[in-house]
C-alpha atoms as a PDB file:
ATOM      1  CA  UNK A   1     -31.821 -30.644 -41.616  1.00  0.00           C
ATOM      2  CA  UNK A   2     -34.253 -30.449 -38.705  1.00  0.00           C
ATOM      3  CA  UNK A   3     -32.734 -33.489 -36.981  1.00  0.00           C
ATOM      4  CA  UNK A   4     -29.273 -31.924 -37.196  1.00  0.00           C
ATOM      5  CA  UNK A   5     -30.687 -28.637 -35.875  1.00  0.00           C
ATOM      6  CA  UNK A   6     -32.311 -30.387 -32.888  1.00  0.00           C
ATOM      7  CA  UNK A   7     -29.083 -32.226 -32.160  1.00  0.00           C
ATOM      8  CA  UNK A   8     -27.101 -28.937 -32.065  1.00  0.00           C
ATOM      9  CA  UNK A   9     -29.720 -27.210 -29.910  1.00  0.00           C
ATOM     10  CA  UNK A  10     -29.843 -30.100 -27.432  1.00  0.00           C
ATOM     11  CA  UNK A  11     -26.035 -30.173 -27.268  1.00  0.00           C
ATOM     12  CA  UNK A  12     -25.922 -26.401 -26.565  1.00  0.00           C
ATOM     13  CA  UNK A  13     -28.647 -26.765 -23.928  1.00  0.00           C
ATOM     14  CA  UNK A  14     -26.691 -29.481 -22.124  1.00  0.00           C
ATOM     15  CA  UNK A  15     -23.509 -27.383 -22.312  1.00  0.00           C
ATOM     16  CA  UNK A  16     -25.411 -24.377 -20.946  1.00  0.00           C
ATOM     17  CA  UNK A  17     -26.786 -26.422 -18.046  1.00  0.00           C
ATOM     18  CA  UNK A  18     -23.304 -27.727 -17.210  1.00  0.00           C
ATOM     19  CA  UNK A  19     -21.967 -24.183 -17.124  1.00  0.00           C
ATOM     20  CA  UNK A  20     -24.792 -23.092 -14.810  1.00  0.00           C
ATOM     21  CA  UNK A  21     -24.212 -26.041 -12.476  1.00  0.00           C
ATOM     22  CA  UNK A  22     -20.482 -25.320 -12.354  1.00  0.00           C
ATOM     23  CA  UNK A  23     -20.963 -21.596 -11.717  1.00  0.00           C
ATOM     24  CA  UNK A  24     -23.558 -22.165  -9.024  1.00  0.00           C
ATOM     25  CA  UNK A  25     -21.186 -24.443  -7.143  1.00  0.00           C
ATOM     26  CA  UNK A  26     -18.117 -22.175  -7.551  1.00  0.00           C
ATOM     27  CA  UNK A  27     -19.575 -18.720  -6.832  1.00  0.00           C
ATOM     28  CA  UNK A  28     -20.755 -19.387  -3.256  1.00  0.00           C
ATOM     29  CA  UNK A  29     -17.338 -20.774  -2.367  1.00  0.00           C
ATOM     30  CA  UNK A  30     -15.546 -17.720  -3.748  1.00  0.00           C
ATOM     31  CA  UNK A  31     -17.972 -15.342  -2.063  1.00  0.00           C
ATOM     32  CA  UNK A  32     -17.600 -17.057   1.296  1.00  0.00           C
ATOM     33  CA  UNK A  33     -13.817 -16.935   1.050  1.00  0.00           C
ATOM     34  CA  UNK A  34     -13.856 -13.208   0.312  1.00  0.00           C
ATOM     35  CA  UNK A  35     -16.294 -12.607   3.160  1.00  0.00           C
ATOM     36  CA  UNK A  36     -14.270 -14.746   5.535  1.00  0.00           C
ATOM     37  CA  UNK A  37     -11.027 -12.911   4.724  1.00  0.00           C
ATOM     38  CA  UNK A  38     -12.748  -9.548   5.110  1.00  0.00           C
ATOM     39  CA  UNK A  39     -13.978 -10.337   8.616  1.00  0.00           C
ATOM     40  CA  UNK A  40     -10.906 -12.114   9.920  1.00  0.00           C
ATOM     41  CA  UNK A  41      -8.357  -9.394   9.109  1.00  0.00           C
ATOM     42  CA  UNK A  42      -8.474  -6.184  11.115  1.00  0.00           C
ATOM     43  CA  UNK A  43      -6.669  -3.135   9.772  1.00  0.00           C
ATOM     44  CA  UNK A  44      -5.873  -0.235  12.066  1.00  0.00           C
ATOM     45  CA  UNK A  45      -5.060   3.084  10.399  1.00  0.00           C
ATOM     46  CA  UNK A  46      -4.221   6.416  12.020  1.00  0.00           C
ATOM     47  CA  UNK A  47      -3.774   9.634  10.018  1.00  0.00           C
ATOM     48  CA  UNK A  48      -0.553  11.595  10.111  1.00  0.00           C
ATOM     49  CA  UNK A  49      -0.631  14.184  12.909  1.00  0.00           C
ATOM     50  CA  UNK A  50       0.817  17.666  12.856  1.00  0.00           C
ATOM     51  CA  UNK A  51       2.939  17.835  16.027  1.00  0.00           C
ATOM     52  CA  UNK A  52       4.516  21.264  15.438  1.00  0.00           C
ATOM     53  CA  UNK A  53       2.544  24.022  13.706  1.00  0.00           C
ATOM     54  CA  UNK A  54       4.401  27.342  13.846  1.00  0.00           C
ATOM     55  CA  UNK A  55       2.342  30.449  13.115  1.00  0.00           C
ATOM     56  CA  UNK A  56       3.186  32.690  10.143  1.00  0.00           C
ATOM     57  CA  UNK A  57       5.105  35.900  10.580  1.00  0.00           C
ATOM     58  CA  UNK A  58       2.824  38.589   9.164  1.00  0.00           C
ATOM     59  CA  UNK A  59       4.699  41.575   7.700  1.00  0.00           C
ATOM     60  CA  UNK A  60       3.737  45.065   8.882  1.00  0.00           C
ATOM     61  CA  UNK A  61       2.397  45.947   5.435  1.00  0.00           C
ATOM     62  CA  UNK A  62      -0.377  43.378   5.891  1.00  0.00           C
ATOM     63  CA  UNK A  63      -1.084  44.564   9.461  1.00  0.00           C
ATOM     64  CA  UNK A  64      -2.004  47.989   8.084  1.00  0.00           C
ATOM     65  CA  UNK A  65      -4.853  46.596   6.009  1.00  0.00           C
ATOM     66  CA  UNK A  66      -7.587  44.243   7.172  1.00  0.00           C
ATOM     67  CA  UNK A  67      -7.123  41.002   5.302  1.00  0.00           C
ATOM     68  CA  UNK A  68      -9.151  37.796   5.374  1.00  0.00           C
ATOM     69  CA  UNK A  69      -8.505  34.877   3.038  1.00  0.00           C
ATOM     70  CA  UNK A  70      -7.667  31.177   2.903  1.00  0.00           C
ATOM     71  CA  UNK A  71      -5.692  28.703   0.830  1.00  0.00           C
ATOM     72  CA  UNK A  72      -5.628  24.933   0.511  1.00  0.00           C
ATOM     73  CA  UNK A  73      -2.369  23.046   1.038  1.00  0.00           C
ATOM     74  CA  UNK A  74      -1.479  19.440   0.277  1.00  0.00           C
ATOM     75  CA  UNK A  75       1.132  17.622   2.357  1.00  0.00           C
ATOM     76  CA  UNK A  76       2.862  14.455   1.117  1.00  0.00           C
ATOM     77  CA  UNK A  77       4.223  12.913   4.323  1.00  0.00           C
ATOM     78  CA  UNK A  78       6.867  10.163   4.265  1.00  0.00           C
ATOM     79  CA  UNK A  79       7.247   7.241   6.659  1.00  0.00           C
ATOM     80  CA  UNK A  80       9.860   9.277   8.546  1.00  0.00           C
ATOM     81  CA  UNK A  81       7.513  12.254   9.010  1.00  0.00           C
ATOM     82  CA  UNK A  82       9.270  14.481   6.452  1.00  0.00           C
ATOM     83  CA  UNK A  83       6.979  16.249   4.026  1.00  0.00           C
ATOM     84  CA  UNK A  84       6.587  18.246   0.850  1.00  0.00           C
ATOM     85  CA  UNK A  85       3.881  20.873   0.675  1.00  0.00           C
ATOM     86  CA  UNK A  86       2.163  22.427  -2.331  1.00  0.00           C
ATOM     87  CA  UNK A  87      -0.710  24.864  -2.632  1.00  0.00           C
ATOM     88  CA  UNK A  88      -3.799  23.494  -4.329  1.00  0.00           C
ATOM     89  CA  UNK A  89      -5.799  26.723  -4.071  1.00  0.00           C
ATOM     90  CA  UNK A  90      -4.369  30.224  -3.786  1.00  0.00           C
ATOM     91  CA  UNK A  91      -5.388  32.818  -1.240  1.00  0.00           C
ATOM     92  CA  UNK A  92      -5.557  35.368  -4.054  1.00  0.00           C
ATOM     93  CA  UNK A  93      -2.329  37.095  -3.027  1.00  0.00           C
ATOM     94  CA  UNK A  94       1.140  35.953  -4.103  1.00  0.00           C
ATOM     95  CA  UNK A  95       2.615  37.494  -0.946  1.00  0.00           C
ATOM     96  CA  UNK A  96       0.212  35.622   1.366  1.00  0.00           C
ATOM     97  CA  UNK A  97       0.731  32.375  -0.577  1.00  0.00           C
ATOM     98  CA  UNK A  98       4.495  32.673  -0.124  1.00  0.00           C
ATOM     99  CA  UNK A  99       4.095  33.371   3.606  1.00  0.00           C
ATOM    100  CA  UNK A 100       1.820  30.313   3.900  1.00  0.00           C
ATOM    101  CA  UNK A 101       4.254  28.019   2.059  1.00  0.00           C
ATOM    102  CA  UNK A 102       7.233  29.300   4.065  1.00  0.00           C
ATOM    103  CA  UNK A 103       5.363  28.612   7.317  1.00  0.00           C
ATOM    104  CA  UNK A 104       3.938  25.228   6.263  1.00  0.00           C
ATOM    105  CA  UNK A 105       7.395  23.973   5.291  1.00  0.00           C
ATOM    106  CA  UNK A 106       8.395  24.373   8.964  1.00  0.00           C
ATOM    107  CA  UNK A 107       5.574  22.135  10.219  1.00  0.00           C
ATOM    108  CA  UNK A 108       6.481  18.725  11.647  1.00  0.00           C
ATOM    109  CA  UNK A 109       4.432  15.559  11.407  1.00  0.00           C
ATOM    110  CA  UNK A 110       4.109  12.203  13.069  1.00  0.00           C
ATOM    111  CA  UNK A 111       3.628   9.807  10.111  1.00  0.00           C
ATOM    112  CA  UNK A 112       0.421   7.889   9.456  1.00  0.00           C
ATOM    113  CA  UNK A 113       0.337   4.401  10.958  1.00  0.00           C
ATOM    114  CA  UNK A 114      -1.010   1.209   9.412  1.00  0.00           C
ATOM    115  CA  UNK A 115      -1.122  -1.764  11.789  1.00  0.00           C
ATOM    116  CA  UNK A 116       1.498  -0.101  14.001  1.00  0.00           C
ATOM    117  CA  UNK A 117       3.938   0.640  11.156  1.00  0.00           C
ATOM    118  CA  UNK A 118       4.604   4.107   9.700  1.00  0.00           C
ATOM    119  CA  UNK A 119       3.349   4.613   6.130  1.00  0.00           C
ATOM    120  CA  UNK A 120       3.431   7.372   3.550  1.00  0.00           C
ATOM    121  CA  UNK A 121       0.294   9.511   3.390  1.00  0.00           C
ATOM    122  CA  UNK A 122      -1.276  12.653   1.957  1.00  0.00           C
ATOM    123  CA  UNK A 123      -3.188  15.314   3.896  1.00  0.00           C
ATOM    124  CA  UNK A 124      -5.029  18.391   2.737  1.00  0.00           C
ATOM    125  CA  UNK A 125      -5.257  21.324   5.122  1.00  0.00           C
ATOM    126  CA  UNK A 126      -7.179  24.569   4.773  1.00  0.00           C
ATOM    127  CA  UNK A 127      -5.163  27.533   6.003  1.00  0.00           C
ATOM    128  CA  UNK A 128      -7.130  30.626   6.977  1.00  0.00           C
ATOM    129  CA  UNK A 129      -5.656  34.125   7.245  1.00  0.00           C
ATOM    130  CA  UNK A 130      -7.324  36.929   9.147  1.00  0.00           C
ATOM    131  CA  UNK A 131      -5.417  40.115   9.863  1.00  0.00           C
ATOM    132  CA  UNK A 132      -7.242  42.833  11.823  1.00  0.00           C
END
């Protein structure tokens, strides 16, 4: 029984050593290839830019009271510069939120660029309201 046990253990030890030798010779090659690719390719990215940002039309009812608030908007901008906008955080007033959305839908964007080609992107913008 002990001879058979030693034979199995020695076989497993040899198999283990072969695996280690194979891994040690493969891993550096893979790592160098990944590193080489990472340094040889240059990626240039430019965020989408708002090129037209009309101001909101504040109704007279809001001019009568001092109002200060903000909301957070998310723009999904296509390769053509068209966009959809949604509010992620409310200003606390349904009326102000509607004014913000109405105004933000009129904004125009230059699309994001990746290696000189337009790409779809997402931007978050904080919109602040202050009526005095």
